[in-house]
Structures are given as C-alpha cells and as structure tokens.
C-alpha cells in the first residue's frame, strides 16, 4: 500500500469538498427537507463505508476520528459565522 503525498491528499480532499459543496447547495435550494436528507445521507454513507471497509476493531478509532473532524468543522463554521461558543471535547481513557 502506498502512502499519499500531501499534494495528493490536498487534491483528493479538494475534489471531495467541491463535489459535496455543490450537492449541498443544490439540496439547500430544493428546501429544508431535501437539505436535511442530504446531510443525513452523508452521515449514513460514512457509517456504511466504515462498517463495510474496516475490520470491527477499526470501527471505534475511525468513528472517533470522524466525530473529531465533524466537531472541528462545526467549530470552524460557527466561528466564521460569528457564533460565540466553543465545543468542548470530553475524552475518556
């Protein structure tokens, strides 16, 4: 298995973000119900990919990574919108 370079990771991430952003805008224009369905579908798809592609021992670590990324994204967007508040992460050993 090869390791992706920073440039490859950035290119892949940019492609995914661009696609999802375009689809998100389409869903928002279609109405709140379609937008909610779009967001829920993304979450369901991520869960399915983890379930099908990883061994069960990898479920927890990957889910933790996804939740951290999700909260980081929410925090960034909230800050950009001027929302005051901070998400607090509680980590259990």
N, C-alpha and C. Protein backbone atom coordinates (compact mmCIF):
# COMPACT_ATOMS: atom_id res chain seq x y z
N UNK A 1 0.84 -1.17 0.00
CA UNK A 1 0.00 0.00 0.00
C UNK A 1 0.89 1.24 0.00
N UNK A 2 0.60 2.18 -0.88
CA UNK A 2 1.41 3.39 -0.95
C UNK A 2 0.85 4.48 -0.04
N UNK A 3 1.73 5.35 0.39
CA UNK A 3 1.35 6.47 1.24
C UNK A 3 1.12 7.68 0.35
N UNK A 4 0.00 8.36 0.58
CA UNK A 4 -0.31 9.55 -0.22
C UNK A 4 0.58 10.71 0.19
N UNK A 5 1.00 11.48 -0.80
CA UNK A 5 1.76 12.70 -0.51
C UNK A 5 0.79 13.78 -0.04
N UNK A 6 1.34 14.86 0.53
CA UNK A 6 0.50 15.98 0.95
C UNK A 6 -0.28 16.55 -0.23
N UNK A 7 0.37 16.62 -1.39
CA UNK A 7 -0.26 17.15 -2.58
C UNK A 7 -1.43 16.26 -3.03
N UNK A 8 -1.22 14.94 -2.97
CA UNK A 8 -2.29 14.00 -3.33
C UNK A 8 -3.46 14.10 -2.36
N UNK A 9 -3.16 14.21 -1.07
CA UNK A 9 -4.22 14.35 -0.07
C UNK A 9 -5.01 15.63 -0.30
N UNK A 10 -4.30 16.73 -0.56
CA UNK A 10 -4.97 18.01 -0.80
C UNK A 10 -5.84 17.94 -2.04
N UNK A 11 -5.34 17.34 -3.12
CA UNK A 11 -6.11 17.23 -4.35
C UNK A 11 -7.36 16.38 -4.13
N UNK A 12 -7.22 15.26 -3.44
CA UNK A 12 -8.37 14.40 -3.18
C UNK A 12 -9.38 15.10 -2.28
N UNK A 13 -8.89 15.75 -1.23
CA UNK A 13 -9.77 16.46 -0.32
C UNK A 13 -10.51 17.58 -1.05
N UNK A 14 -9.80 18.33 -1.88
CA UNK A 14 -10.41 19.42 -2.63
C UNK A 14 -11.51 18.90 -3.55
N UNK A 15 -11.26 17.78 -4.21
CA UNK A 15 -12.26 17.18 -5.10
C UNK A 15 -13.51 16.77 -4.32
N UNK A 16 -13.33 16.13 -3.19
CA UNK A 16 -14.46 15.68 -2.37
C UNK A 16 -15.24 16.88 -1.84
N UNK A 17 -14.53 17.88 -1.31
CA UNK A 17 -15.19 19.07 -0.75
C UNK A 17 -15.96 19.81 -1.84
N UNK A 18 -15.37 19.96 -3.00
CA UNK A 18 -16.05 20.66 -4.11
C UNK A 18 -17.33 19.93 -4.49
N UNK A 19 -17.26 18.62 -4.64
CA UNK A 19 -18.44 17.83 -5.01
C UNK A 19 -19.54 17.97 -3.96
N UNK A 20 -19.17 17.76 -2.68
CA UNK A 20 -20.17 17.82 -1.61
C UNK A 20 -20.74 19.23 -1.45
N UNK A 21 -19.92 20.25 -1.64
CA UNK A 21 -20.40 21.63 -1.55
C UNK A 21 -21.42 21.92 -2.65
N UNK A 22 -21.15 21.47 -3.86
CA UNK A 22 -22.09 21.67 -4.96
C UNK A 22 -23.41 20.96 -4.68
N UNK A 23 -23.34 19.71 -4.22
CA UNK A 23 -24.56 18.95 -3.92
C UNK A 23 -25.31 19.56 -2.74
N UNK A 24 -24.57 20.09 -1.77
CA UNK A 24 -25.19 20.75 -0.63
C UNK A 24 -25.98 21.98 -1.08
N UNK A 25 -25.40 22.77 -1.96
CA UNK A 25 -26.09 23.96 -2.47
C UNK A 25 -27.36 23.58 -3.23
N UNK A 26 -27.29 22.51 -4.02
CA UNK A 26 -28.48 22.03 -4.73
C UNK A 26 -29.56 21.62 -3.73
N UNK A 27 -29.17 20.92 -2.69
CA UNK A 27 -30.13 20.46 -1.68
C UNK A 27 -30.74 21.64 -0.93
N UNK A 28 -29.94 22.64 -0.59
CA UNK A 28 -30.46 23.82 0.11
C UNK A 28 -31.50 24.54 -0.75
N UNK A 29 -31.21 24.66 -2.04
CA UNK A 29 -32.15 25.33 -2.94
C UNK A 29 -33.45 24.56 -3.07
N UNK A 30 -33.39 23.25 -2.89
CA UNK A 30 -34.59 22.41 -3.02
C UNK A 30 -35.48 22.47 -1.79
N UNK A 31 -34.97 22.98 -0.67
CA UNK A 31 -35.80 23.12 0.52
C UNK A 31 -35.19 22.43 1.73
N UNK A 32 -35.75 22.76 2.89
CA UNK A 32 -35.19 22.29 4.16
C UNK A 32 -35.25 20.76 4.28
N UNK A 33 -36.32 20.15 3.79
CA UNK A 33 -36.43 18.70 3.90
C UNK A 33 -35.36 18.00 3.06
N UNK A 34 -35.15 18.49 1.84
CA UNK A 34 -34.12 17.90 0.98
C UNK A 34 -32.73 18.14 1.56
N UNK A 35 -32.54 19.32 2.14
CA UNK A 35 -31.23 19.63 2.72
C UNK A 35 -30.94 18.71 3.91
N UNK A 36 -31.93 18.53 4.76
CA UNK A 36 -31.76 17.62 5.91
C UNK A 36 -31.48 16.20 5.43
N UNK A 37 -32.19 15.77 4.39
CA UNK A 37 -31.97 14.43 3.84
C UNK A 37 -30.55 14.28 3.30
N UNK A 38 -30.06 15.31 2.63
CA UNK A 38 -28.71 15.29 2.09
C UNK A 38 -27.68 15.11 3.20
N UNK A 39 -27.79 15.92 4.26
CA UNK A 39 -26.84 15.84 5.38
C UNK A 39 -26.91 14.46 6.04
N UNK A 40 -28.12 13.97 6.26
CA UNK A 40 -28.30 12.65 6.87
C UNK A 40 -27.72 11.55 5.98
N UNK A 41 -27.90 11.68 4.68
CA UNK A 41 -27.37 10.69 3.74
C UNK A 41 -25.85 10.64 3.77
N UNK A 42 -25.21 11.80 3.91
CA UNK A 42 -23.75 11.83 4.01
C UNK A 42 -23.30 11.06 5.25
N UNK A 43 -23.96 11.33 6.38
CA UNK A 43 -23.60 10.65 7.63
C UNK A 43 -23.80 9.14 7.50
N UNK A 44 -24.93 8.74 6.91
CA UNK A 44 -25.22 7.31 6.74
C UNK A 44 -24.17 6.66 5.85
N UNK A 45 -23.79 7.34 4.79
CA UNK A 45 -22.79 6.80 3.86
C UNK A 45 -21.45 6.62 4.56
N UNK A 46 -21.03 7.61 5.35
CA UNK A 46 -19.77 7.46 6.09
C UNK A 46 -19.83 6.26 7.03
N UNK A 47 -20.94 6.12 7.73
CA UNK A 47 -21.10 4.97 8.62
C UNK A 47 -21.03 3.65 7.87
N UNK A 48 -21.67 3.60 6.71
CA UNK A 48 -21.66 2.38 5.90
C UNK A 48 -20.25 2.05 5.41
N UNK A 49 -19.52 3.08 4.98
CA UNK A 49 -18.16 2.84 4.50
C UNK A 49 -17.28 2.28 5.61
N UNK A 50 -17.42 2.82 6.80
CA UNK A 50 -16.65 2.30 7.94
C UNK A 50 -17.03 0.84 8.19
N UNK A 51 -18.32 0.57 8.23
CA UNK A 51 -18.80 -0.78 8.51
C UNK A 51 -18.36 -1.81 7.49
N UNK A 52 -18.40 -1.44 6.22
CA UNK A 52 -18.04 -2.39 5.17
C UNK A 52 -16.53 -2.49 4.94
N UNK A 53 -15.82 -1.38 5.06
CA UNK A 53 -14.42 -1.35 4.66
C UNK A 53 -13.41 -1.66 5.75
N UNK A 54 -13.80 -1.50 7.00
CA UNK A 54 -12.85 -1.73 8.08
C UNK A 54 -13.16 -3.01 8.83
N UNK A 55 -12.15 -3.54 9.50
CA UNK A 55 -12.38 -4.66 10.41
C UNK A 55 -13.05 -4.09 11.65
N UNK A 56 -13.85 -4.89 12.35
CA UNK A 56 -14.56 -4.38 13.54
C UNK A 56 -13.66 -3.65 14.54
N UNK A 57 -12.40 -4.07 14.69
CA UNK A 57 -11.53 -3.39 15.65
C UNK A 57 -11.20 -1.96 15.21
N UNK A 58 -11.44 -1.63 13.95
CA UNK A 58 -11.18 -0.28 13.46
C UNK A 58 -12.37 0.65 13.56
N UNK A 59 -13.55 0.10 13.89
CA UNK A 59 -14.76 0.93 13.96
C UNK A 59 -14.60 2.08 14.95
N UNK A 60 -14.22 1.75 16.18
CA UNK A 60 -14.12 2.77 17.23
C UNK A 60 -13.14 3.88 16.91
N UNK A 61 -11.89 3.54 16.54
CA UNK A 61 -10.94 4.60 16.22
C UNK A 61 -11.39 5.48 15.06
N UNK A 62 -11.97 4.87 14.02
CA UNK A 62 -12.40 5.68 12.88
C UNK A 62 -13.60 6.54 13.26
N UNK A 63 -14.52 6.00 14.03
CA UNK A 63 -15.66 6.79 14.48
C UNK A 63 -15.19 7.97 15.32
N UNK A 64 -14.22 7.74 16.18
CA UNK A 64 -13.65 8.83 16.97
C UNK A 64 -13.05 9.91 16.09
N UNK A 65 -12.33 9.50 15.05
CA UNK A 65 -11.72 10.45 14.12
C UNK A 65 -12.79 11.25 13.40
N UNK A 66 -13.86 10.58 12.96
CA UNK A 66 -14.93 11.27 12.25
C UNK A 66 -15.63 12.26 13.16
N UNK A 67 -15.91 11.87 14.39
CA UNK A 67 -16.59 12.78 15.32
C UNK A 67 -15.70 14.00 15.59
N UNK A 68 -14.41 13.78 15.74
CA UNK A 68 -13.50 14.90 15.96
C UNK A 68 -13.48 15.83 14.74
N UNK A 69 -13.43 15.26 13.55
CA UNK A 69 -13.45 16.08 12.34
C UNK A 69 -14.76 16.84 12.20
N UNK A 70 -15.87 16.17 12.54
CA UNK A 70 -17.18 16.81 12.47
C UNK A 70 -17.25 18.00 13.42
N UNK A 71 -16.82 17.82 14.66
CA UNK A 71 -16.87 18.93 15.61
C UNK A 71 -15.89 20.04 15.23
N UNK A 72 -14.73 19.69 14.69
CA UNK A 72 -13.79 20.71 14.22
C UNK A 72 -14.40 21.53 13.09
N UNK A 73 -15.08 20.87 12.17
CA UNK A 73 -15.73 21.58 11.07
C UNK A 73 -16.86 22.48 11.55
N UNK A 74 -17.67 21.97 12.49
CA UNK A 74 -18.74 22.78 13.06
C UNK A 74 -18.17 24.00 13.77
N UNK A 75 -17.09 23.80 14.54
CA UNK A 75 -16.48 24.91 15.27
C UNK A 75 -15.95 25.96 14.30
N UNK A 76 -15.27 25.53 13.25
CA UNK A 76 -14.72 26.46 12.26
C UNK A 76 -15.84 27.27 11.61
N UNK A 77 -16.90 26.58 11.18
CA UNK A 77 -18.00 27.27 10.51
C UNK A 77 -18.72 28.23 11.46
N UNK A 78 -18.94 27.80 12.69
CA UNK A 78 -19.60 28.66 13.68
C UNK A 78 -18.76 29.91 13.94
N UNK A 79 -17.46 29.73 14.07
CA UNK A 79 -16.57 30.87 14.30
C UNK A 79 -16.61 31.83 13.11
N UNK A 80 -16.57 31.29 11.89
CA UNK A 80 -16.63 32.12 10.69
C UNK A 80 -17.94 32.90 10.60
N UNK A 81 -19.03 32.32 11.10
CA UNK A 81 -20.33 32.99 11.08
C UNK A 81 -20.49 33.97 12.24
N UNK A 82 -19.52 34.02 13.14
CA UNK A 82 -19.59 34.93 14.26
C UNK A 82 -20.34 34.38 15.46
N UNK A 83 -20.60 33.08 15.46
CA UNK A 83 -21.29 32.45 16.58
C UNK A 83 -20.30 32.33 17.73
N UNK A 84 -20.71 32.82 18.89
CA UNK A 84 -19.84 32.73 20.06
C UNK A 84 -20.11 31.43 20.78
N UNK A 85 -19.06 30.72 21.08
CA UNK A 85 -19.19 29.44 21.76
C UNK A 85 -18.09 28.51 21.31
N UNK A 86 -17.82 27.53 22.14
CA UNK A 86 -16.77 26.57 21.84
C UNK A 86 -17.27 25.17 22.16
N UNK A 87 -17.04 24.25 21.25
CA UNK A 87 -17.35 22.86 21.51
C UNK A 87 -16.29 22.32 22.46
N UNK A 88 -16.73 21.60 23.45
CA UNK A 88 -15.81 21.01 24.42
C UNK A 88 -15.76 19.51 24.15
N UNK A 89 -14.55 19.01 23.96
CA UNK A 89 -14.37 17.58 23.72
C UNK A 89 -14.07 16.89 25.04
N UNK A 90 -14.80 15.86 25.32
CA UNK A 90 -14.56 15.07 26.52
C UNK A 90 -13.94 13.75 26.06
N UNK A 91 -12.74 13.48 26.50
CA UNK A 91 -12.02 12.29 26.09
C UNK A 91 -11.90 11.36 27.29
N UNK A 92 -12.24 10.12 27.04
CA UNK A 92 -12.16 9.10 28.09
C UNK A 92 -11.04 8.13 27.78
N UNK A 93 -10.23 7.81 28.75
CA UNK A 93 -9.15 6.83 28.55
C UNK A 93 -9.68 5.44 28.74
